[in-house]
Protein backbone atom coordinates (compact mmCIF):
# COMPACT_ATOMS: atom_id res chain seq x y z
CA UNK A 1 7.46 26.88 144.09
CA UNK A 2 9.76 23.99 144.96
CA UNK A 3 8.04 21.75 142.41
CA UNK A 4 8.67 24.27 139.61
CA UNK A 5 12.31 24.55 140.62
CA UNK A 6 12.77 20.77 140.44
CA UNK A 7 10.96 20.53 137.09
CA UNK A 8 13.06 23.38 135.71
CA UNK A 9 16.25 21.74 136.92
CA UNK A 10 15.25 18.43 135.31
CA UNK A 11 14.50 20.16 132.00
CA UNK A 12 17.87 21.94 132.05
CA UNK A 13 19.63 18.67 132.94
CA UNK A 14 17.83 16.91 130.09
CA UNK A 15 18.86 19.62 127.61
CA UNK A 16 22.48 19.47 128.76
CA UNK A 17 22.59 15.67 128.43
CA UNK A 18 20.94 15.82 125.00
CA UNK A 19 23.39 18.49 123.80
CA UNK A 20 26.43 16.61 125.11
CA UNK A 21 25.18 13.39 123.53
CA UNK A 22 24.84 15.17 120.19
CA UNK A 23 28.33 16.71 120.51
CA UNK A 24 29.93 13.35 121.39
CA UNK A 25 28.14 11.65 118.50
CA UNK A 26 29.23 14.38 116.08
CA UNK A 27 32.85 14.04 117.24
CA UNK A 28 32.71 10.25 116.83
CA UNK A 29 31.25 10.60 113.33
CA UNK A 30 33.97 13.09 112.36
CA UNK A 31 36.78 10.90 113.71
CA UNK A 32 35.27 7.84 112.04
CA UNK A 33 35.05 9.68 108.73
CA UNK A 34 38.71 10.67 108.96
CA UNK A 35 39.77 7.09 109.73
CA UNK A 36 37.59 5.80 106.89
CA UNK A 37 39.25 8.24 104.49
CA UNK A 38 42.72 7.16 105.62
CA UNK A 39 41.72 3.50 105.21
CA UNK A 40 40.41 4.14 101.67
CA UNK A 41 43.62 5.96 100.72
CA UNK A 42 45.71 3.08 102.13
CA UNK A 43 43.68 0.53 100.16
CA UNK A 44 44.00 2.63 97.02
CA UNK A 45 47.77 2.84 97.47
CA UNK A 46 48.01 -0.90 98.05
CA UNK A 47 45.91 -1.62 94.97
CA UNK A 48 48.03 0.72 92.82
CA UNK A 49 51.24 -0.89 94.08
CA UNK A 50 49.88 -4.36 93.27
CA UNK A 51 48.87 -3.21 89.78
CA UNK A 52 52.30 -1.68 89.21
CA UNK A 53 54.09 -4.89 90.23
CA UNK A 54 51.96 -7.14 87.99
CA UNK A 55 52.52 -5.03 84.84
């Protein structure tokens, strides 16, 4: 009985770690996407301002 309890606990711990890893990765991907979008908008604004000054 004790062996099944330990195996069950290890399976639950594995599932919790896997779920938290997925959640952390999803949050990092979302934050990275937001920063990438801001960076692209900043580059676009800089490029437009350079084009406007040259013409």
